[in-house]
Amino acid sequence: MKRDERTPARLVGVSPHTAAFTITFDGRELPVLPGQSIAAALWTAGILAWRSTRVEGRPRGAFCGIGQCYDCLATVNGRPNRRACLVTARPGDAVTTQEGHGHAGLDT
């Protein structure tokens, strides 16, 4: 399927049948293409937010896409504060929504 600028990325041929491998996001299995960042894999699956702010709990996801803004922080394989736009997805990665700064017990 050829993609033009008006076609949302999630409609472009990524499915469990065409994916090279899968990762999980909050326990949900997601298809991933080789070389995709975690942020791209989440976007492709229609997931736009995977972090909440520390004080007000506002949803955040990728904003700048180049690792400068830190809005895309996620917990990857148990490690908090990973910039999802810069981390290349690997088979079996477990990504979870990050609450606040990602360190349990320190968000008070």
N, C-alpha and C. Protein backbone atom coordinates (compact mmCIF):
# COMPACT_ATOMS: atom_id res chain seq x y z
N MET A 1 0.84 -1.17 0.00
CA MET A 1 0.00 0.00 0.00
C MET A 1 0.88 1.23 0.00
N LYS A 2 0.67 2.14 -0.92
CA LYS A 2 1.43 3.38 -0.97
C LYS A 2 0.81 4.41 -0.04
N ARG A 3 1.64 5.17 0.62
CA ARG A 3 1.16 6.17 1.57
C ARG A 3 1.26 7.56 0.97
N ASP A 4 0.20 8.35 1.11
CA ASP A 4 0.32 9.76 0.77
C ASP A 4 0.19 10.57 2.05
N GLU A 5 0.39 11.87 1.97
CA GLU A 5 0.42 12.71 3.17
C GLU A 5 -0.87 12.69 3.97
N ARG A 6 -2.00 12.34 3.38
CA ARG A 6 -3.27 12.38 4.09
C ARG A 6 -3.61 11.06 4.76
N THR A 7 -2.82 10.04 4.57
CA THR A 7 -3.11 8.73 5.15
C THR A 7 -2.47 8.61 6.53
N PRO A 8 -3.27 8.44 7.58
CA PRO A 8 -2.68 8.26 8.91
C PRO A 8 -1.73 7.07 8.93
N ALA A 9 -0.64 7.20 9.65
CA ALA A 9 0.38 6.15 9.69
C ALA A 9 -0.19 4.81 10.13
N ARG A 10 -1.19 4.82 11.03
CA ARG A 10 -1.70 3.55 11.53
C ARG A 10 -2.45 2.76 10.45
N LEU A 11 -2.72 3.38 9.31
CA LEU A 11 -3.41 2.69 8.24
C LEU A 11 -2.45 2.11 7.21
N VAL A 12 -1.18 2.30 7.40
CA VAL A 12 -0.19 1.89 6.42
C VAL A 12 0.37 0.53 6.73
N GLY A 13 -0.31 -0.52 6.38
CA GLY A 13 0.18 -1.87 6.34
C GLY A 13 0.93 -2.45 7.52
N VAL A 14 0.80 -1.93 8.73
CA VAL A 14 1.43 -2.56 9.89
C VAL A 14 0.34 -3.30 10.64
N SER A 15 0.50 -4.59 10.66
CA SER A 15 -0.47 -5.44 11.37
C SER A 15 0.32 -6.58 11.99
N PRO A 16 -0.34 -7.37 12.82
CA PRO A 16 0.38 -8.53 13.37
C PRO A 16 0.92 -9.45 12.27
N HIS A 17 0.34 -9.39 11.08
CA HIS A 17 0.77 -10.26 9.98
C HIS A 17 1.96 -9.70 9.22
N THR A 18 2.14 -8.36 9.22
CA THR A 18 3.24 -7.75 8.46
C THR A 18 4.38 -7.28 9.35
N ALA A 19 4.17 -7.25 10.65
CA ALA A 19 5.20 -6.77 11.57
C ALA A 19 6.36 -7.74 11.63
N ALA A 20 7.53 -7.19 11.89
CA ALA A 20 8.71 -8.02 12.05
C ALA A 20 8.74 -8.66 13.43
N PHE A 21 8.19 -7.94 14.42
CA PHE A 21 8.16 -8.44 15.79
C PHE A 21 7.12 -7.65 16.57
N THR A 22 6.99 -7.95 17.85
CA THR A 22 6.03 -7.23 18.68
C THR A 22 6.71 -6.71 19.95
N ILE A 23 6.10 -5.67 20.51
CA ILE A 23 6.44 -5.18 21.84
C ILE A 23 5.12 -5.14 22.61
N THR A 24 5.20 -4.90 23.90
CA THR A 24 3.95 -4.72 24.64
C THR A 24 3.92 -3.31 25.21
N PHE A 25 2.72 -2.75 25.27
CA PHE A 25 2.48 -1.46 25.90
C PHE A 25 1.37 -1.65 26.92
N ASP A 26 1.70 -1.48 28.18
CA ASP A 26 0.74 -1.71 29.27
C ASP A 26 0.03 -3.05 29.09
N GLY A 27 0.81 -4.07 28.68
CA GLY A 27 0.29 -5.42 28.53
C GLY A 27 -0.33 -5.73 27.18
N ARG A 28 -0.52 -4.73 26.35
CA ARG A 28 -1.14 -4.91 25.03
C ARG A 28 -0.04 -5.14 23.99
N GLU A 29 -0.17 -6.21 23.21
CA GLU A 29 0.83 -6.53 22.19
C GLU A 29 0.67 -5.61 20.97
N LEU A 30 1.79 -5.04 20.52
CA LEU A 30 1.76 -4.12 19.38
C LEU A 30 2.73 -4.60 18.30
N PRO A 31 2.32 -4.51 17.04
CA PRO A 31 3.22 -4.86 15.94
C PRO A 31 4.24 -3.76 15.70
N VAL A 32 5.45 -4.15 15.33
CA VAL A 32 6.53 -3.18 15.11
C VAL A 32 7.30 -3.55 13.85
N LEU A 33 7.68 -2.54 13.09
CA LEU A 33 8.54 -2.73 11.92
C LEU A 33 9.99 -2.50 12.31
N PRO A 34 10.92 -3.12 11.62
CA PRO A 34 12.34 -2.93 11.94
C PRO A 34 12.71 -1.45 11.87
N GLY A 35 13.48 -1.00 12.85
CA GLY A 35 13.97 0.37 12.86
C GLY A 35 13.02 1.40 13.46
N GLN A 36 11.78 1.01 13.79
CA GLN A 36 10.85 1.97 14.38
C GLN A 36 11.27 2.32 15.80
N SER A 37 11.10 3.59 16.13
CA SER A 37 11.28 3.99 17.52
C SER A 37 10.06 3.51 18.31
N ILE A 38 10.19 3.50 19.60
CA ILE A 38 9.05 3.13 20.43
C ILE A 38 7.91 4.12 20.21
N ALA A 39 8.22 5.41 20.11
CA ALA A 39 7.18 6.42 19.86
C ALA A 39 6.46 6.14 18.54
N ALA A 40 7.20 5.80 17.49
CA ALA A 40 6.58 5.50 16.20
C ALA A 40 5.68 4.28 16.28
N ALA A 41 6.12 3.26 17.01
CA ALA A 41 5.29 2.06 17.17
C ALA A 41 4.01 2.39 17.92
N LEU A 42 4.10 3.23 18.96
CA LEU A 42 2.92 3.62 19.71
C LEU A 42 1.99 4.46 18.85
N TRP A 43 2.52 5.41 18.11
CA TRP A 43 1.70 6.22 17.20
C TRP A 43 0.99 5.34 16.19
N THR A 44 1.73 4.40 15.61
CA THR A 44 1.16 3.51 14.60
C THR A 44 -0.03 2.73 15.16
N ALA A 45 0.05 2.41 16.45
CA ALA A 45 -1.04 1.69 17.10
C ALA A 45 -2.16 2.62 17.56
N GLY A 46 -2.02 3.92 17.29
CA GLY A 46 -3.05 4.89 17.67
C GLY A 46 -2.92 5.39 19.10
N ILE A 47 -1.79 5.11 19.73
CA ILE A 47 -1.55 5.56 21.11
C ILE A 47 -0.80 6.87 21.06
N LEU A 48 -1.42 7.93 21.56
CA LEU A 48 -0.83 9.27 21.45
C LEU A 48 -0.23 9.78 22.76
N ALA A 49 -0.56 9.16 23.88
CA ALA A 49 -0.02 9.58 25.18
C ALA A 49 0.40 8.36 25.97
N TRP A 50 1.58 8.45 26.60
CA TRP A 50 2.09 7.33 27.40
C TRP A 50 2.84 7.81 28.63
N ARG A 51 2.57 9.02 29.03
CA ARG A 51 3.14 9.57 30.26
C ARG A 51 2.14 10.57 30.82
N SER A 52 2.13 10.72 32.13
CA SER A 52 1.33 11.78 32.75
C SER A 52 2.26 12.68 33.54
N THR A 53 1.92 13.96 33.58
CA THR A 53 2.79 14.90 34.28
C THR A 53 2.74 14.67 35.78
N ARG A 54 3.80 15.04 36.46
CA ARG A 54 3.97 14.76 37.87
C ARG A 54 2.95 15.47 38.75
N VAL A 55 2.69 16.74 38.50
CA VAL A 55 1.84 17.51 39.39
C VAL A 55 0.35 17.36 39.07
N GLU A 56 -0.03 17.55 37.83
CA GLU A 56 -1.46 17.55 37.49
C GLU A 56 -1.93 16.31 36.74
N GLY A 57 -1.04 15.38 36.45
CA GLY A 57 -1.44 14.14 35.79
C GLY A 57 -1.91 14.32 34.36
N ARG A 58 -1.42 15.34 33.68
CA ARG A 58 -1.83 15.59 32.28
C ARG A 58 -1.13 14.60 31.34
N PRO A 59 -1.84 14.13 30.33
CA PRO A 59 -1.25 13.17 29.39
C PRO A 59 -0.20 13.81 28.49
N ARG A 60 0.84 13.05 28.21
CA ARG A 60 1.91 13.49 27.33
C ARG A 60 2.33 12.34 26.42
N GLY A 61 2.85 12.69 25.26
CA GLY A 61 3.39 11.74 24.30
C GLY A 61 4.51 12.44 23.56
N ALA A 62 4.75 12.06 22.32
CA ALA A 62 5.81 12.71 21.54
C ALA A 62 5.37 14.11 21.16
N PHE A 63 6.28 15.06 21.29
CA PHE A 63 6.00 16.44 20.91
C PHE A 63 7.00 16.89 19.86
N CYS A 64 8.29 16.87 20.19
CA CYS A 64 9.28 17.36 19.23
C CYS A 64 9.78 16.25 18.31
N GLY A 65 9.81 15.02 18.80
CA GLY A 65 10.26 13.90 17.98
C GLY A 65 11.76 13.79 17.80
N ILE A 66 12.54 14.67 18.45
CA ILE A 66 14.00 14.62 18.30
C ILE A 66 14.73 14.58 19.64
N GLY A 67 14.01 14.29 20.72
CA GLY A 67 14.64 14.09 22.02
C GLY A 67 14.98 15.34 22.79
N GLN A 68 14.43 16.48 22.42
CA GLN A 68 14.75 17.73 23.12
C GLN A 68 13.75 18.10 24.21
N CYS A 69 12.47 17.69 24.07
CA CYS A 69 11.44 18.22 24.96
C CYS A 69 11.13 17.32 26.17
N TYR A 70 11.44 16.06 26.12
CA TYR A 70 11.21 15.10 27.20
C TYR A 70 9.73 14.81 27.48
N ASP A 71 8.84 15.20 26.59
CA ASP A 71 7.43 14.86 26.77
C ASP A 71 7.16 13.38 26.52
N CYS A 72 8.02 12.71 25.77
CA CYS A 72 7.76 11.33 25.37
C CYS A 72 8.34 10.29 26.32
N LEU A 73 8.67 10.67 27.53
CA LEU A 73 9.27 9.72 28.47
C LEU A 73 8.34 8.52 28.72
N ALA A 74 8.94 7.35 28.75
CA ALA A 74 8.21 6.12 29.02
C ALA A 74 9.10 5.20 29.86
N THR A 75 8.48 4.23 30.47
CA THR A 75 9.24 3.20 31.17
C THR A 75 9.40 2.03 30.21
N VAL A 76 10.64 1.68 29.91
CA VAL A 76 10.94 0.62 28.95
C VAL A 76 11.74 -0.47 29.67
N ASN A 77 11.17 -1.67 29.68
CA ASN A 77 11.82 -2.79 30.35
C ASN A 77 12.20 -2.46 31.79
N GLY A 78 11.29 -1.75 32.47
CA GLY A 78 11.49 -1.41 33.87
C GLY A 78 12.33 -0.19 34.12
N ARG A 79 12.90 0.41 33.08
CA ARG A 79 13.74 1.60 33.23
C ARG A 79 12.92 2.84 32.92
N PRO A 80 12.70 3.73 33.89
CA PRO A 80 11.92 4.95 33.64
C PRO A 80 12.73 5.98 32.87
N ASN A 81 12.02 7.00 32.40
CA ASN A 81 12.62 8.18 31.77
C ASN A 81 13.36 7.90 30.47
N ARG A 82 12.88 6.93 29.73
CA ARG A 82 13.46 6.64 28.41
C ARG A 82 12.71 7.49 27.37
N ARG A 83 13.43 8.22 26.56
CA ARG A 83 12.81 9.05 25.53
C ARG A 83 12.36 8.14 24.38
N ALA A 84 11.06 7.92 24.32
CA ALA A 84 10.48 6.97 23.35
C ALA A 84 10.76 7.34 21.91
N CYS A 85 10.97 8.62 21.63
CA CYS A 85 11.25 9.03 20.25
C CYS A 85 12.67 8.68 19.83
N LEU A 86 13.54 8.39 20.80
CA LEU A 86 14.95 8.07 20.48
C LEU A 86 15.28 6.60 20.66
N VAL A 87 14.46 5.85 21.37
CA VAL A 87 14.75 4.45 21.65
C VAL A 87 14.19 3.57 20.54
N THR A 88 15.05 2.85 19.86
CA THR A 88 14.61 1.91 18.84
C THR A 88 13.97 0.70 19.50
N ALA A 89 12.77 0.36 19.05
CA ALA A 89 12.06 -0.80 19.61
C ALA A 89 12.82 -2.08 19.29
N ARG A 90 12.83 -2.98 20.27
CA ARG A 90 13.47 -4.28 20.10
C ARG A 90 12.45 -5.36 20.41
N PRO A 91 12.60 -6.53 19.80
CA PRO A 91 11.65 -7.61 20.05
C PRO A 91 11.48 -7.87 21.55
N GLY A 92 10.22 -7.91 21.97
CA GLY A 92 9.91 -8.23 23.35
C GLY A 92 9.97 -7.08 24.33
N ASP A 93 10.30 -5.87 23.87
CA ASP A 93 10.32 -4.73 24.79
C ASP A 93 8.98 -4.61 25.51
N ALA A 94 9.05 -4.30 26.80
CA ALA A 94 7.85 -4.05 27.60
C ALA A 94 7.83 -2.57 27.96
N VAL A 95 6.89 -1.85 27.36
CA VAL A 95 6.76 -0.42 27.57
C VAL A 95 5.54 -0.19 28.45
N THR A 96 5.69 0.66 29.46
CA THR A 96 4.55 0.97 30.33
C THR A 96 4.40 2.47 30.46
N THR A 97 3.16 2.88 30.70
CA THR A 97 2.88 4.29 30.93
C THR A 97 3.70 4.76 32.12
N GLN A 98 4.30 5.92 31.97
CA GLN A 98 5.09 6.48 33.06
C GLN A 98 4.27 7.52 33.80
N GLU A 99 4.18 7.33 35.09
CA GLU A 99 3.48 8.28 35.96
C GLU A 99 4.51 9.24 36.55
N GLY A 100 4.32 10.53 36.35
CA GLY A 100 5.25 11.52 36.90
C GLY A 100 6.66 11.33 36.40
N HIS A 101 7.62 11.33 37.33
CA HIS A 101 9.02 11.19 36.91
C HIS A 101 9.48 9.74 36.89
N GLY A 102 8.57 8.80 37.13
CA GLY A 102 8.88 7.38 36.94
C GLY A 102 9.52 6.67 38.09
N HIS A 103 9.74 7.34 39.19
CA HIS A 103 10.35 6.69 40.35
C HIS A 103 9.31 6.54 41.44
N ALA A 104 8.83 5.34 41.63
CA ALA A 104 7.77 5.06 42.61
C ALA A 104 8.14 5.59 43.98
N GLY A 105 7.17 6.22 44.63
CA GLY A 105 7.38 6.72 45.98
C GLY A 105 7.98 8.10 46.05
N LEU A 106 8.43 8.64 44.94
CA LEU A 106 9.06 9.96 44.94
C LEU A 106 8.15 11.03 44.35
N ASP A 107 6.92 10.68 43.97
CA ASP A 107 6.03 11.63 43.31
C ASP A 107 5.23 12.48 44.28
N THR A 108 5.51 12.44 45.53
CA THR A 108 4.72 13.20 46.49
C THR A 108 5.11 14.65 46.53
